[in-house]
Amino acid sequence: GIPVATVGINAAQNAGILAVQILAASD
């Protein structure tokens, strides 16, 4: 019930890409 999408250790770039993918679903 409390999910956190998790990327690899120090993988901030992948976190940014995942954020873009989430936003791109409606843009």
PDB file of all heavy atoms in Angstrom:
ATOM      1  N   GLY A   1       0.793  -1.226   0.000  1.00  0.00           N
ATOM      2  CA  GLY A   1       0.000   0.000   0.000  1.00  0.00           C
ATOM      3  C   GLY A   1       0.823   1.272   0.000  1.00  0.00           C
ATOM      4  O   GLY A   1       0.275   2.357  -0.204  1.00  0.00           O
ATOM      5  N   ILE A   2       2.133   1.169   0.239  1.00  0.00           N
ATOM      6  CA  ILE A   2       2.994   2.354   0.284  1.00  0.00           C
ATOM      7  C   ILE A   2       4.179   2.135  -0.672  1.00  0.00           C
ATOM      8  O   ILE A   2       5.313   1.989  -0.245  1.00  0.00           O
ATOM      9  CB  ILE A   2       3.517   2.629   1.721  1.00  0.00           C
ATOM     10  CG1 ILE A   2       2.421   2.554   2.759  1.00  0.00           C
ATOM     11  CG2 ILE A   2       4.244   3.988   1.771  1.00  0.00           C
ATOM     12  CD1 ILE A   2       1.349   3.622   2.631  1.00  0.00           C
ATOM     13  N   PRO A   3       3.919   2.102  -1.980  1.00  0.00           N
ATOM     14  CA  PRO A   3       5.021   1.837  -2.907  1.00  0.00           C
ATOM     15  C   PRO A   3       5.951   3.035  -3.090  1.00  0.00           C
ATOM     16  O   PRO A   3       5.516   4.184  -3.039  1.00  0.00           O
ATOM     17  CB  PRO A   3       4.305   1.530  -4.220  1.00  0.00           C
ATOM     18  CG  PRO A   3       3.048   2.330  -4.149  1.00  0.00           C
ATOM     19  CD  PRO A   3       2.650   2.299  -2.688  1.00  0.00           C
ATOM     20  N   VAL A   4       7.213   2.730  -3.270  1.00  0.00           N
ATOM     21  CA  VAL A   4       8.207   3.713  -3.691  1.00  0.00           C
ATOM     22  C   VAL A   4       8.930   3.078  -4.877  1.00  0.00           C
ATOM     23  O   VAL A   4       9.589   2.049  -4.719  1.00  0.00           O
ATOM     24  CB  VAL A   4       9.204   4.052  -2.561  1.00  0.00           C
ATOM     25  CG1 VAL A   4      10.297   4.994  -3.075  1.00  0.00           C
ATOM     26  CG2 VAL A   4       8.492   4.688  -1.374  1.00  0.00           C
ATOM     27  N   ALA A   5       8.763   3.659  -6.062  1.00  0.00           N
ATOM     28  CA  ALA A   5       9.506   3.168  -7.230  1.00  0.00           C
ATOM     29  C   ALA A   5      10.979   3.388  -6.925  1.00  0.00           C
ATOM     30  O   ALA A   5      11.369   4.483  -6.523  1.00  0.00           O
ATOM     31  CB  ALA A   5       9.088   3.933  -8.473  1.00  0.00           C
ATOM     32  N   THR A   6      11.779   2.365  -7.066  1.00  0.00           N
ATOM     33  CA  THR A   6      13.175   2.451  -6.632  1.00  0.00           C
ATOM     34  C   THR A   6      14.115   2.192  -7.795  1.00  0.00           C
ATOM     35  O   THR A   6      13.947   1.220  -8.523  1.00  0.00           O
ATOM     36  CB  THR A   6      13.435   1.437  -5.497  1.00  0.00           C
ATOM     37  OG1 THR A   6      12.436   1.595  -4.491  1.00  0.00           O
ATOM     38  CG2 THR A   6      14.802   1.650  -4.882  1.00  0.00           C
ATOM     39  N   VAL A   7      15.099   3.060  -7.941  1.00  0.00           N
ATOM     40  CA  VAL A   7      16.140   2.879  -8.951  1.00  0.00           C
ATOM     41  C   VAL A   7      17.389   2.347  -8.260  1.00  0.00           C
ATOM     42  O   VAL A   7      17.415   2.177  -7.047  1.00  0.00           O
ATOM     43  CB  VAL A   7      16.417   4.198  -9.711  1.00  0.00           C
ATOM     44  CG1 VAL A   7      15.181   4.648 -10.496  1.00  0.00           C
ATOM     45  CG2 VAL A   7      16.890   5.299  -8.769  1.00  0.00           C
ATOM     46  N   GLY A   8      18.414   2.100  -9.025  1.00  0.00           N
ATOM     47  CA  GLY A   8      19.652   1.556  -8.472  1.00  0.00           C
ATOM     48  C   GLY A   8      20.362   2.537  -7.559  1.00  0.00           C
ATOM     49  O   GLY A   8      20.042   3.724  -7.495  1.00  0.00           O
ATOM     50  N   ILE A   9      21.347   2.018  -6.870  1.00  0.00           N
ATOM     51  CA  ILE A   9      22.144   2.826  -5.948  1.00  0.00           C
ATOM     52  C   ILE A   9      22.833   3.951  -6.725  1.00  0.00           C
ATOM     53  O   ILE A   9      23.487   3.713  -7.739  1.00  0.00           O
ATOM     54  CB  ILE A   9      23.170   1.939  -5.217  1.00  0.00           C
ATOM     55  CG1 ILE A   9      22.445   0.884  -4.370  1.00  0.00           C
ATOM     56  CG2 ILE A   9      24.116   2.784  -4.348  1.00  0.00           C
ATOM     57  CD1 ILE A   9      23.317  -0.249  -3.880  1.00  0.00           C
ATOM     58  N   ASN A  10      22.634   5.179  -6.266  1.00  0.00           N
ATOM     59  CA  ASN A  10      23.182   6.401  -6.869  1.00  0.00           C
ATOM     60  C   ASN A  10      22.666   6.646  -8.294  1.00  0.00           C
ATOM     61  O   ASN A  10      23.252   7.424  -9.036  1.00  0.00           O
ATOM     62  CB  ASN A  10      24.710   6.393  -6.873  1.00  0.00           C
ATOM     63  CG  ASN A  10      25.310   6.641  -5.504  1.00  0.00           C
ATOM     64  OD1 ASN A  10      24.605   6.868  -4.529  1.00  0.00           O
ATOM     65  ND2 ASN A  10      26.615   6.582  -5.417  1.00  0.00           N
ATOM     66  N   ALA A  11      21.587   6.012  -8.687  1.00  0.00           N
ATOM     67  CA  ALA A  11      21.080   6.105 -10.065  1.00  0.00           C
ATOM     68  C   ALA A  11      20.098   7.262 -10.236  1.00  0.00           C
ATOM     69  O   ALA A  11      18.975   7.085 -10.698  1.00  0.00           O
ATOM     70  CB  ALA A  11      20.464   4.784 -10.489  1.00  0.00           C
ATOM     71  N   ALA A  12      20.532   8.452  -9.889  1.00  0.00           N
ATOM     72  CA  ALA A  12      19.672   9.631  -9.974  1.00  0.00           C
ATOM     73  C   ALA A  12      19.234   9.926 -11.396  1.00  0.00           C
ATOM     74  O   ALA A  12      18.112  10.396 -11.623  1.00  0.00           O
ATOM     75  CB  ALA A  12      20.383  10.842  -9.377  1.00  0.00           C
ATOM     76  N   GLN A  13      20.098   9.657 -12.375  1.00  0.00           N
ATOM     77  CA  GLN A  13      19.705   9.909 -13.762  1.00  0.00           C
ATOM     78  C   GLN A  13      18.508   9.043 -14.136  1.00  0.00           C
ATOM     79  O   GLN A  13      17.569   9.519 -14.769  1.00  0.00           O
ATOM     80  CB  GLN A  13      20.875   9.632 -14.710  1.00  0.00           C
ATOM     81  CG  GLN A  13      20.525   9.950 -16.146  1.00  0.00           C
ATOM     82  CD  GLN A  13      21.702   9.789 -17.086  1.00  0.00           C
ATOM     83  OE1 GLN A  13      22.803   9.443 -16.689  1.00  0.00           O
ATOM     84  NE2 GLN A  13      21.457  10.052 -18.355  1.00  0.00           N
ATOM     85  N   ASN A  14      18.504   7.767 -13.719  1.00  0.00           N
ATOM     86  CA  ASN A  14      17.355   6.913 -14.000  1.00  0.00           C
ATOM     87  C   ASN A  14      16.105   7.414 -13.280  1.00  0.00           C
ATOM     88  O   ASN A  14      14.997   7.300 -13.810  1.00  0.00           O
ATOM     89  CB  ASN A  14      17.638   5.459 -13.627  1.00  0.00           C
ATOM     90  CG  ASN A  14      18.340   4.717 -14.747  1.00  0.00           C
ATOM     91  OD1 ASN A  14      18.461   5.210 -15.854  1.00  0.00           O
ATOM     92  ND2 ASN A  14      18.794   3.522 -14.450  1.00  0.00           N
ATOM     93  N   ALA A  15      16.260   7.970 -12.102  1.00  0.00           N
ATOM     94  CA  ALA A  15      15.112   8.543 -11.396  1.00  0.00           C
ATOM     95  C   ALA A  15      14.545   9.709 -12.200  1.00  0.00           C
ATOM     96  O   ALA A  15      13.323   9.855 -12.329  1.00  0.00           O
ATOM     97  CB  ALA A  15      15.509   8.998  -9.996  1.00  0.00           C
ATOM     98  N   GLY A  16      15.424  10.529 -12.756  1.00  0.00           N
ATOM     99  CA  GLY A  16      14.973  11.628 -13.597  1.00  0.00           C
ATOM    100  C   GLY A  16      14.246  11.132 -14.834  1.00  0.00           C
ATOM    101  O   GLY A  16      13.198  11.660 -15.200  1.00  0.00           O
ATOM    102  N   ILE A  17      14.801  10.101 -15.474  1.00  0.00           N
ATOM    103  CA  ILE A  17      14.149   9.533 -16.663  1.00  0.00           C
ATOM    104  C   ILE A  17      12.780   8.965 -16.294  1.00  0.00           C
ATOM    105  O   ILE A  17      11.801   9.166 -17.014  1.00  0.00           O
ATOM    106  CB  ILE A  17      15.036   8.461 -17.324  1.00  0.00           C
ATOM    107  CG1 ILE A  17      16.287   9.117 -17.912  1.00  0.00           C
ATOM    108  CG2 ILE A  17      14.267   7.704 -18.407  1.00  0.00           C
ATOM    109  CD1 ILE A  17      17.364   8.138 -18.338  1.00  0.00           C
ATOM    110  N   LEU A  18      12.693   8.263 -15.184  1.00  0.00           N
ATOM    111  CA  LEU A  18      11.408   7.702 -14.752  1.00  0.00           C
ATOM    112  C   LEU A  18      10.393   8.819 -14.492  1.00  0.00           C
ATOM    113  O   LEU A  18       9.228   8.707 -14.881  1.00  0.00           O
ATOM    114  CB  LEU A  18      11.598   6.830 -13.508  1.00  0.00           C
ATOM    115  CG  LEU A  18      10.394   6.052 -13.013  1.00  0.00           C
ATOM    116  CD1 LEU A  18       9.775   5.194 -14.104  1.00  0.00           C
ATOM    117  CD2 LEU A  18      10.802   5.189 -11.818  1.00  0.00           C
ATOM    118  N   ALA A  19      10.836   9.909 -13.891  1.00  0.00           N
ATOM    119  CA  ALA A  19       9.936  11.060 -13.683  1.00  0.00           C
ATOM    120  C   ALA A  19       9.449  11.606 -15.022  1.00  0.00           C
ATOM    121  O   ALA A  19       8.259  11.899 -15.186  1.00  0.00           O
ATOM    122  CB  ALA A  19      10.642  12.149 -12.880  1.00  0.00           C
ATOM    123  N   VAL A  20      10.354  11.703 -15.997  1.00  0.00           N
ATOM    124  CA  VAL A  20       9.966  12.177 -17.332  1.00  0.00           C
ATOM    125  C   VAL A  20       8.956  11.212 -17.949  1.00  0.00           C
ATOM    126  O   VAL A  20       7.950  11.641 -18.534  1.00  0.00           O
ATOM    127  CB  VAL A  20      11.202  12.347 -18.247  1.00  0.00           C
ATOM    128  CG1 VAL A  20      10.777  12.645 -19.684  1.00  0.00           C
ATOM    129  CG2 VAL A  20      12.116  13.448 -17.723  1.00  0.00           C
ATOM    130  N   GLN A  21       9.175   9.909 -17.816  1.00  0.00           N
ATOM    131  CA  GLN A  21       8.245   8.925 -18.378  1.00  0.00           C
ATOM    132  C   GLN A  21       6.854   9.056 -17.751  1.00  0.00           C
ATOM    133  O   GLN A  21       5.840   8.957 -18.454  1.00  0.00           O
ATOM    134  CB  GLN A  21       8.791   7.510 -18.184  1.00  0.00           C
ATOM    135  CG  GLN A  21       9.981   7.216 -19.074  1.00  0.00           C
ATOM    136  CD  GLN A  21      10.584   5.857 -18.806  1.00  0.00           C
ATOM    137  OE1 GLN A  21      10.958   5.533 -17.681  1.00  0.00           O
ATOM    138  NE2 GLN A  21      10.698   5.056 -19.848  1.00  0.00           N
ATOM    139  N   ILE A  22       6.806   9.281 -16.449  1.00  0.00           N
ATOM    140  CA  ILE A  22       5.519   9.450 -15.764  1.00  0.00           C
ATOM    141  C   ILE A  22       4.805  10.689 -16.311  1.00  0.00           C
ATOM    142  O   ILE A  22       3.619  10.643 -16.648  1.00  0.00           O
ATOM    143  CB  ILE A  22       5.714   9.542 -14.235  1.00  0.00           C
ATOM    144  CG1 ILE A  22       6.154   8.178 -13.678  1.00  0.00           C
ATOM    145  CG2 ILE A  22       4.444  10.030 -13.548  1.00  0.00           C
ATOM    146  CD1 ILE A  22       6.677   8.231 -12.246  1.00  0.00           C
ATOM    147  N   LEU A  23       5.527  11.788 -16.431  1.00  0.00           N
ATOM    148  CA  LEU A  23       4.931  13.029 -16.929  1.00  0.00           C
ATOM    149  C   LEU A  23       4.560  12.912 -18.404  1.00  0.00           C
ATOM    150  O   LEU A  23       3.541  13.461 -18.837  1.00  0.00           O
ATOM    151  CB  LEU A  23       5.896  14.198 -16.720  1.00  0.00           C
ATOM    152  CG  LEU A  23       6.209  14.559 -15.271  1.00  0.00           C
ATOM    153  CD1 LEU A  23       7.363  15.556 -15.214  1.00  0.00           C
ATOM    154  CD2 LEU A  23       4.975  15.099 -14.561  1.00  0.00           C
ATOM    155  N   ALA A  24       5.365  12.194 -19.183  1.00  0.00           N
ATOM    156  CA  ALA A  24       5.126  12.066 -20.628  1.00  0.00           C
ATOM    157  C   ALA A  24       3.875  11.254 -20.939  1.00  0.00           C
ATOM    158  O   ALA A  24       3.319  11.379 -22.032  1.00  0.00           O
ATOM    159  CB  ALA A  24       6.343  11.433 -21.302  1.00  0.00           C
ATOM    160  N   ALA A  25       3.396  10.474 -19.999  1.00  0.00           N
ATOM    161  CA  ALA A  25       2.176   9.688 -20.223  1.00  0.00           C
ATOM    162  C   ALA A  25       0.975  10.582 -20.497  1.00  0.00           C
ATOM    163  O   ALA A  25       0.020  10.151 -21.145  1.00  0.00           O
ATOM    164  CB  ALA A  25       1.896   8.781 -19.020  1.00  0.00           C
ATOM    165  N   SER A  26       1.029  11.829 -20.044  1.00  0.00           N
ATOM    166  CA  SER A  26      -0.092  12.747 -20.274  1.00  0.00           C
ATOM    167  C   SER A  26       0.354  14.046 -20.950  1.00  0.00           C
ATOM    168  O   SER A  26      -0.339  15.051 -20.889  1.00  0.00           O
ATOM    169  CB  SER A  26      -0.793  13.068 -18.945  1.00  0.00           C
ATOM    170  OG  SER A  26       0.119  13.690 -18.060  1.00  0.00           O
ATOM    171  N   ASP A  27       1.528  14.022 -21.598  1.00  0.00           N
ATOM    172  CA  ASP A  27       2.051  15.218 -22.256  1.00  0.00           C
ATOM    173  C   ASP A  27       2.698  14.793 -23.574  1.00  0.00           C
ATOM    174  O   ASP A  27       3.809  14.264 -23.588  1.00  0.00           O
ATOM    175  CB  ASP A  27       3.066  15.896 -21.339  1.00  0.00           C
ATOM    176  CG  ASP A  27       3.646  17.184 -21.906  1.00  0.00           C
ATOM    177  OD1 ASP A  27       3.796  17.302 -23.144  1.00  0.00           O
ATOM    178  OD2 ASP A  27       3.998  18.062 -21.105  1.00  0.00           O
TER     179      ASP A  27
END
